[in-house]
């Protein structure tokens, strides 16, 4: 996975690790950092499909999965 992750994806993962990301109900369930929508509207779904982030199933906090933590540590 490290070969296919972009620097933007890695930055989003760092923001998730810092507790700065959420799925925003105001933004139609898109990922937001510090309450502001990310310009790449597909990044949340892409990182979730890759098994790097997880949510509680609805709007709210996003967290790194063990795989996401390992990727950032590499």
PDB file of N, CA and C in Angstrom:
ATOM      1  N   UNK A   1       0.820  -1.205   0.000  1.00  0.00           N
ATOM      2  CA  UNK A   1       0.000   0.000   0.000  1.00  0.00           C
ATOM      3  C   UNK A   1       0.857   1.260   0.000  1.00  0.00           C
ATOM      4  N   UNK A   2       2.056   1.233   0.563  1.00  0.00           N
ATOM      5  CA  UNK A   2       2.867   2.452   0.638  1.00  0.00           C
ATOM      6  C   UNK A   2       3.223   2.988  -0.742  1.00  0.00           C
ATOM      7  N   UNK A   3       3.287   2.129  -1.757  1.00  0.00           N
ATOM      8  CA  UNK A   3       3.618   2.581  -3.088  1.00  0.00           C
ATOM      9  C   UNK A   3       2.468   3.302  -3.766  1.00  0.00           C
ATOM     10  N   UNK A   4       1.248   3.109  -3.319  1.00  0.00           N
ATOM     11  CA  UNK A   4       0.096   3.708  -3.982  1.00  0.00           C
ATOM     12  C   UNK A   4      -0.518   4.856  -3.188  1.00  0.00           C
ATOM     13  N   UNK A   5       0.018   5.160  -2.045  1.00  0.00           N
ATOM     14  CA  UNK A   5      -0.547   6.247  -1.246  1.00  0.00           C
ATOM     15  C   UNK A   5       0.133   7.559  -1.641  1.00  0.00           C
ATOM     16  N   UNK A   6      -0.668   8.577  -1.857  1.00  0.00           N
ATOM     17  CA  UNK A   6      -0.124   9.869  -2.267  1.00  0.00           C
ATOM     18  C   UNK A   6       0.290  10.672  -1.039  1.00  0.00           C
ATOM     19  N   UNK A   7       1.030  11.724  -1.286  1.00  0.00           N
ATOM     20  CA  UNK A   7       1.418  12.598  -0.172  1.00  0.00           C
ATOM     21  C   UNK A   7       0.180  13.262   0.428  1.00  0.00           C
ATOM     22  N   UNK A   8      -0.832  13.526  -0.383  1.00  0.00           N
ATOM     23  CA  UNK A   8      -2.089  14.081   0.135  1.00  0.00           C
ATOM     24  C   UNK A   8      -2.765  13.079   1.063  1.00  0.00           C
ATOM     25  N   UNK A   9      -2.819  11.812   0.643  1.00  0.00           N
ATOM     26  CA  UNK A   9      -3.415  10.777   1.494  1.00  0.00           C
ATOM     27  C   UNK A   9      -2.669  10.680   2.818  1.00  0.00           C
ATOM     28  N   UNK A  10      -1.344  10.724   2.750  1.00  0.00           N
ATOM     29  CA  UNK A  10      -0.524  10.640   3.966  1.00  0.00           C
ATOM     30  C   UNK A  10      -0.812  11.834   4.879  1.00  0.00           C
ATOM     31  N   UNK A  11      -0.990  13.023   4.319  1.00  0.00           N
ATOM     32  CA  UNK A  11      -1.309  14.205   5.117  1.00  0.00           C
ATOM     33  C   UNK A  11      -2.665  14.046   5.801  1.00  0.00           C
ATOM     34  N   UNK A  12      -3.627  13.482   5.095  1.00  0.00           N
ATOM     35  CA  UNK A  12      -4.941  13.246   5.691  1.00  0.00           C
ATOM     36  C   UNK A  12      -4.813  12.223   6.820  1.00  0.00           C
ATOM     37  N   UNK A  13      -4.030  11.185   6.615  1.00  0.00           N
ATOM     38  CA  UNK A  13      -3.825  10.201   7.675  1.00  0.00           C
ATOM     39  C   UNK A  13      -3.189  10.850   8.909  1.00  0.00           C
ATOM     40  N   UNK A  14      -2.253  11.757   8.714  1.00  0.00           N
ATOM     41  CA  UNK A  14      -1.647  12.466   9.852  1.00  0.00           C
ATOM     42  C   UNK A  14      -2.689  13.311  10.573  1.00  0.00           C
ATOM     43  N   UNK A  15      -3.595  13.951   9.823  1.00  0.00           N
ATOM     44  CA  UNK A  15      -4.664  14.743  10.436  1.00  0.00           C
ATOM     45  C   UNK A  15      -5.625  13.847  11.216  1.00  0.00           C
ATOM     46  N   UNK A  16      -5.923  12.675  10.677  1.00  0.00           N
ATOM     47  CA  UNK A  16      -6.776  11.720  11.400  1.00  0.00           C
ATOM     48  C   UNK A  16      -6.086  11.302  12.694  1.00  0.00           C
ATOM     49  N   UNK A  17      -4.804  11.003  12.613  1.00  0.00           N
ATOM     50  CA  UNK A  17      -4.041  10.580  13.798  1.00  0.00           C
ATOM     51  C   UNK A  17      -4.038  11.669  14.864  1.00  0.00           C
ATOM     52  N   UNK A  18      -4.047  12.925  14.437  1.00  0.00           N
ATOM     53  CA  UNK A  18      -4.041  14.046  15.377  1.00  0.00           C
ATOM     54  C   UNK A  18      -5.429  14.363  15.913  1.00  0.00           C
ATOM     55  N   UNK A  19      -6.451  13.622  15.467  1.00  0.00           N
ATOM     56  CA  UNK A  19      -7.813  13.854  15.935  1.00  0.00           C
ATOM     57  C   UNK A  19      -8.486  15.058  15.313  1.00  0.00           C
ATOM     58  N   UNK A  20      -8.030  15.470  14.138  1.00  0.00           N
ATOM     59  CA  UNK A  20      -8.543  16.675  13.488  1.00  0.00           C
ATOM     60  C   UNK A  20      -9.595  16.402  12.419  1.00  0.00           C
ATOM     61  N   UNK A  21      -9.918  15.124  12.150  1.00  0.00           N
ATOM     62  CA  UNK A  21     -10.842  14.778  11.062  1.00  0.00           C
ATOM     63  C   UNK A  21     -12.159  14.242  11.587  1.00  0.00           C
ATOM     64  N   UNK A  22     -13.185  14.492  10.787  1.00  0.00           N
ATOM     65  CA  UNK A  22     -14.504  13.937  11.061  1.00  0.00           C
ATOM     66  C   UNK A  22     -15.262  13.788   9.751  1.00  0.00           C
ATOM     67  N   UNK A  23     -16.262  12.915   9.783  1.00  0.00           N
ATOM     68  CA  UNK A  23     -17.211  12.859   8.675  1.00  0.00           C
ATOM     69  C   UNK A  23     -18.250  13.911   8.995  1.00  0.00           C
ATOM     70  N   UNK A  24     -18.408  14.868   8.146  1.00  0.00           N
ATOM     71  CA  UNK A  24     -19.260  16.006   8.410  1.00  0.00           C
ATOM     72  C   UNK A  24     -20.672  15.789   7.890  1.00  0.00           C
ATOM     73  N   UNK A  25     -21.650  15.894   8.774  1.00  0.00           N
ATOM     74  CA  UNK A  25     -23.049  15.813   8.349  1.00  0.00           C
ATOM     75  C   UNK A  25     -23.395  17.013   7.463  1.00  0.00           C
ATOM     76  N   UNK A  26     -22.815  18.167   7.757  1.00  0.00           N
ATOM     77  CA  UNK A  26     -23.066  19.378   6.965  1.00  0.00           C
ATOM     78  C   UNK A  26     -22.556  19.242   5.540  1.00  0.00           C
ATOM     79  N   UNK A  27     -21.504  18.440   5.374  1.00  0.00           N
ATOM     80  CA  UNK A  27     -20.899  18.277   4.049  1.00  0.00           C
ATOM     81  C   UNK A  27     -21.355  16.989   3.371  1.00  0.00           C
ATOM     82  N   UNK A  28     -22.468  16.465   3.798  1.00  0.00           N
ATOM     83  CA  UNK A  28     -23.002  15.262   3.163  1.00  0.00           C
ATOM     84  C   UNK A  28     -22.182  14.015   3.445  1.00  0.00           C
ATOM     85  N   UNK A  29     -21.553  13.964   4.593  1.00  0.00           N
ATOM     86  CA  UNK A  29     -20.786  12.784   4.962  1.00  0.00           C
ATOM     87  C   UNK A  29     -19.371  12.760   4.417  1.00  0.00           C
ATOM     88  N   UNK A  30     -18.907  13.888   3.887  1.00  0.00           N
ATOM     89  CA  UNK A  30     -17.536  13.954   3.388  1.00  0.00           C
ATOM     90  C   UNK A  30     -16.569  14.217   4.531  1.00  0.00           C
ATOM     91  N   UNK A  31     -15.325  13.897   4.307  1.00  0.00           N
ATOM     92  CA  UNK A  31     -14.288  14.085   5.309  1.00  0.00           C
ATOM     93  C   UNK A  31     -13.942  15.566   5.441  1.00  0.00           C
ATOM     94  N   UNK A  32     -13.822  16.014   6.693  1.00  0.00           N
ATOM     95  CA  UNK A  32     -13.447  17.400   6.974  1.00  0.00           C
ATOM     96  C   UNK A  32     -12.274  17.407   7.943  1.00  0.00           C
ATOM     97  N   UNK A  33     -11.395  18.372   7.766  1.00  0.00           N
ATOM     98  CA  UNK A  33     -10.280  18.593   8.685  1.00  0.00           C
ATOM     99  C   UNK A  33     -10.518  19.945   9.340  1.00  0.00           C
ATOM    100  N   UNK A  34     -10.538  19.952  10.657  1.00  0.00           N
ATOM    101  CA  UNK A  34     -10.800  21.186  11.397  1.00  0.00           C
ATOM    102  C   UNK A  34     -12.096  21.851  10.942  1.00  0.00           C
ATOM    103  N   UNK A  35     -13.086  21.038  10.581  1.00  0.00           N
ATOM    104  CA  UNK A  35     -14.392  21.547  10.179  1.00  0.00           C
ATOM    105  C   UNK A  35     -14.485  22.028   8.747  1.00  0.00           C
ATOM    106  N   UNK A  36     -13.400  21.923   7.994  1.00  0.00           N
ATOM    107  CA  UNK A  36     -13.388  22.388   6.597  1.00  0.00           C
ATOM    108  C   UNK A  36     -13.273  21.179   5.679  1.00  0.00           C
ATOM    109  N   UNK A  37     -14.135  21.106   4.693  1.00  0.00           N
ATOM    110  CA  UNK A  37     -14.120  19.996   3.755  1.00  0.00           C
ATOM    111  C   UNK A  37     -12.815  19.899   2.991  1.00  0.00           C
ATOM    112  N   UNK A  38     -12.373  18.683   2.778  1.00  0.00           N
ATOM    113  CA  UNK A  38     -11.153  18.439   2.006  1.00  0.00           C
ATOM    114  C   UNK A  38     -11.485  18.562   0.527  1.00  0.00           C
ATOM    115  N   UNK A  39     -10.613  19.187  -0.232  1.00  0.00           N
ATOM    116  CA  UNK A  39     -10.900  19.419  -1.653  1.00  0.00           C
ATOM    117  C   UNK A  39     -11.013  18.119  -2.440  1.00  0.00           C
ATOM    118  N   UNK A  40     -10.334  17.080  -2.014  1.00  0.00           N
ATOM    119  CA  UNK A  40     -10.455  15.771  -2.656  1.00  0.00           C
ATOM    120  C   UNK A  40     -11.633  15.047  -2.008  1.00  0.00           C
ATOM    121  N   UNK A  41     -12.794  15.136  -2.635  1.00  0.00           N
ATOM    122  CA  UNK A  41     -14.006  14.587  -2.037  1.00  0.00           C
ATOM    123  C   UNK A  41     -13.992  13.063  -1.916  1.00  0.00           C
ATOM    124  N   UNK A  42     -13.066  12.408  -2.577  1.00  0.00           N
ATOM    125  CA  UNK A  42     -13.023  10.949  -2.566  1.00  0.00           C
ATOM    126  C   UNK A  42     -12.006  10.377  -1.587  1.00  0.00           C
ATOM    127  N   UNK A  43     -11.213  11.227  -0.945  1.00  0.00           N
ATOM    128  CA  UNK A  43     -10.123  10.732  -0.097  1.00  0.00           C
ATOM    129  C   UNK A  43     -10.641   9.886   1.060  1.00  0.00           C
ATOM    130  N   UNK A  44     -11.713  10.281   1.698  1.00  0.00           N
ATOM    131  CA  UNK A  44     -12.243   9.512   2.826  1.00  0.00           C
ATOM    132  C   UNK A  44     -12.642   8.109   2.417  1.00  0.00           C
ATOM    133  N   UNK A  45     -13.383   8.007   1.334  1.00  0.00           N
ATOM    134  CA  UNK A  45     -13.814   6.692   0.851  1.00  0.00           C
ATOM    135  C   UNK A  45     -12.623   5.855   0.405  1.00  0.00           C
ATOM    136  N   UNK A  46     -11.661   6.487  -0.242  1.00  0.00           N
ATOM    137  CA  UNK A  46     -10.478   5.771  -0.715  1.00  0.00           C
ATOM    138  C   UNK A  46      -9.671   5.204   0.459  1.00  0.00           C
ATOM    139  N   UNK A  47      -9.462   6.007   1.500  1.00  0.00           N
ATOM    140  CA  UNK A  47      -8.698   5.548   2.658  1.00  0.00           C
ATOM    141  C   UNK A  47      -9.469   4.499   3.462  1.00  0.00           C
ATOM    142  N   UNK A  48     -10.782   4.636   3.505  1.00  0.00           N
ATOM    143  CA  UNK A  48     -11.600   3.631   4.195  1.00  0.00           C
ATOM    144  C   UNK A  48     -11.568   2.303   3.448  1.00  0.00           C
ATOM    145  N   UNK A  49     -11.702   2.343   2.113  1.00  0.00           N
ATOM    146  CA  UNK A  49     -11.646   1.109   1.311  1.00  0.00           C
ATOM    147  C   UNK A  49     -10.300   0.417   1.449  1.00  0.00           C
ATOM    148  N   UNK A  50      -9.246   1.221   1.604  1.00  0.00           N
ATOM    149  CA  UNK A  50      -7.902   0.657   1.764  1.00  0.00           C
ATOM    150  C   UNK A  50      -7.682   0.109   3.172  1.00  0.00           C
ATOM    151  N   UNK A  51      -8.660   0.329   4.060  1.00  0.00           N
ATOM    152  CA  UNK A  51      -8.544  -0.168   5.423  1.00  0.00           C
ATOM    153  C   UNK A  51      -7.641   0.674   6.307  1.00  0.00           C
ATOM    154  N   UNK A  52      -7.458   1.944   5.953  1.00  0.00           N
ATOM    155  CA  UNK A  52      -6.557   2.812   6.706  1.00  0.00           C
ATOM    156  C   UNK A  52      -7.259   3.687   7.725  1.00  0.00           C
ATOM    157  N   UNK A  53      -8.557   3.987   7.500  1.00  0.00           N
ATOM    158  CA  UNK A  53      -9.341   4.758   8.455  1.00  0.00           C
ATOM    159  C   UNK A  53     -10.672   4.044   8.680  1.00  0.00           C
ATOM    160  N   UNK A  54     -11.295   4.366   9.807  1.00  0.00           N
ATOM    161  CA  UNK A  54     -12.603   3.794  10.123  1.00  0.00           C
ATOM    162  C   UNK A  54     -13.450   4.852  10.814  1.00  0.00           C
ATOM    163  N   UNK A  55     -14.760   4.678  10.716  1.00  0.00           N
ATOM    164  CA  UNK A  55     -15.701   5.588  11.365  1.00  0.00           C
ATOM    165  C   UNK A  55     -16.678   4.761  12.182  1.00  0.00           C
ATOM    166  N   UNK A  56     -17.508   5.461  12.897  1.00  0.00           N
ATOM    167  CA  UNK A  56     -18.553   4.789  13.657  1.00  0.00           C
ATOM    168  C   UNK A  56     -19.770   4.477  12.817  1.00  0.00           C
ATOM    169  N   UNK A  57     -19.714   4.668  11.521  1.00  0.00           N
ATOM    170  CA  UNK A  57     -20.834   4.363  10.642  1.00  0.00           C
ATOM    171  C   UNK A  57     -21.687   5.561  10.278  1.00  0.00           C
ATOM    172  N   UNK A  58     -21.434   6.710  10.851  1.00  0.00           N
ATOM    173  CA  UNK A  58     -22.186   7.919  10.537  1.00  0.00           C
ATOM    174  C   UNK A  58     -21.316   9.127  10.781  1.00  0.00           C
ATOM    175  N   UNK A  59     -21.919  10.319  10.746  1.00  0.00           N
ATOM    176  CA  UNK A  59     -21.134  11.521  11.001  1.00  0.00           C
ATOM    177  C   UNK A  59     -20.435  11.450  12.353  1.00  0.00           C
ATOM    178  N   UNK A  60     -19.249  11.994  12.415  1.00  0.00           N
ATOM    179  CA  UNK A  60     -18.493  12.015  13.659  1.00  0.00           C
ATOM    180  C   UNK A  60     -17.029  11.706  13.442  1.00  0.00           C
ATOM    181  N   UNK A  61     -16.393  11.332  14.519  1.00  0.00           N
ATOM    182  CA  UNK A  61     -14.947  11.136  14.513  1.00  0.00           C
ATOM    183  C   UNK A  61     -14.509  10.018  13.583  1.00  0.00           C
ATOM    184  N   UNK A  62     -13.338  10.206  13.035  1.00  0.00           N
ATOM    185  CA  UNK A  62     -12.684   9.226  12.178  1.00  0.00           C
ATOM    186  C   UNK A  62     -11.423   8.797  12.908  1.00  0.00           C
ATOM    187  N   UNK A  63     -11.066   7.519  12.814  1.00  0.00           N
ATOM    188  CA  UNK A  63      -9.859   7.042  13.491  1.00  0.00           C
ATOM    189  C   UNK A  63      -9.022   6.218  12.537  1.00  0.00           C
ATOM    190  N   UNK A  64      -7.749   6.130  12.860  1.00  0.00           N
ATOM    191  CA  UNK A  64      -6.854   5.260  12.093  1.00  0.00           C
ATOM    192  C   UNK A  64      -7.096   3.815  12.491  1.00  0.00           C
ATOM    193  N   UNK A  65      -6.993   2.940  11.544  1.00  0.00           N
ATOM    194  CA  UNK A  65      -7.007   1.512  11.829  1.00  0.00           C
ATOM    195  C   UNK A  65      -5.570   1.097  12.178  1.00  0.00           C
ATOM    196  N   UNK A  66      -5.379  -0.103  12.694  1.00  0.00           N
ATOM    197  CA  UNK A  66      -4.006  -0.567  12.922  1.00  0.00           C
ATOM    198  C   UNK A  66      -3.148  -0.509  11.647  1.00  0.00           C
ATOM    199  N   UNK A  67      -3.745  -0.803  10.505  1.00  0.00           N
ATOM    200  CA  UNK A  67      -3.030  -0.731   9.242  1.00  0.00           C
ATOM    201  C   UNK A  67      -2.628   0.710   8.933  1.00  0.00           C
ATOM    202  N   UNK A  68      -3.526   1.648   9.183  1.00  0.00           N
ATOM    203  CA  UNK A  68      -3.228   3.063   8.966  1.00  0.00           C
ATOM    204  C   UNK A  68      -2.112   3.553   9.878  1.00  0.00           C
ATOM    205  N   UNK A  69      -2.142   3.133  11.138  1.00  0.00           N
ATOM    206  CA  UNK A  69      -1.061   3.507  12.072  1.00  0.00           C
ATOM    207  C   UNK A  69       0.269   2.943  11.605  1.00  0.00           C
ATOM    208  N   UNK A  70       0.265   1.687  11.169  1.00  0.00           N
ATOM    209  CA  UNK A  70       1.495   1.046  10.701  1.00  0.00           C
ATOM    210  C   UNK A  70       2.046   1.762   9.479  1.00  0.00           C
ATOM    211  N   UNK A  71       1.176   2.167   8.577  1.00  0.00           N
ATOM    212  CA  UNK A  71       1.613   2.875   7.378  1.00  0.00           C
ATOM    213  C   UNK A  71       2.283   4.194   7.731  1.00  0.00           C
ATOM    214  N   UNK A  72       1.696   4.928   8.672  1.00  0.00           N
ATOM    215  CA  UNK A  72       2.295   6.208   9.073  1.00  0.00           C
ATOM    216  C   UNK A  72       3.626   6.001   9.798  1.00  0.00           C
ATOM    217  N   UNK A  73       3.749   4.918  10.509  1.00  0.00           N
ATOM    218  CA  UNK A  73       4.977   4.646  11.250  1.00  0.00           C
ATOM    219  C   UNK A  73       6.116   4.189  10.333  1.00  0.00           C
ATOM    220  N   UNK A  74       5.757   3.684   9.141  1.00  0.00           N
ATOM    221  CA  UNK A  74       6.775   3.166   8.215  1.00  0.00           C
ATOM    222  C   UNK A  74       7.600   4.271   7.604  1.00  0.00           C
TER     223      UNK A  74
END
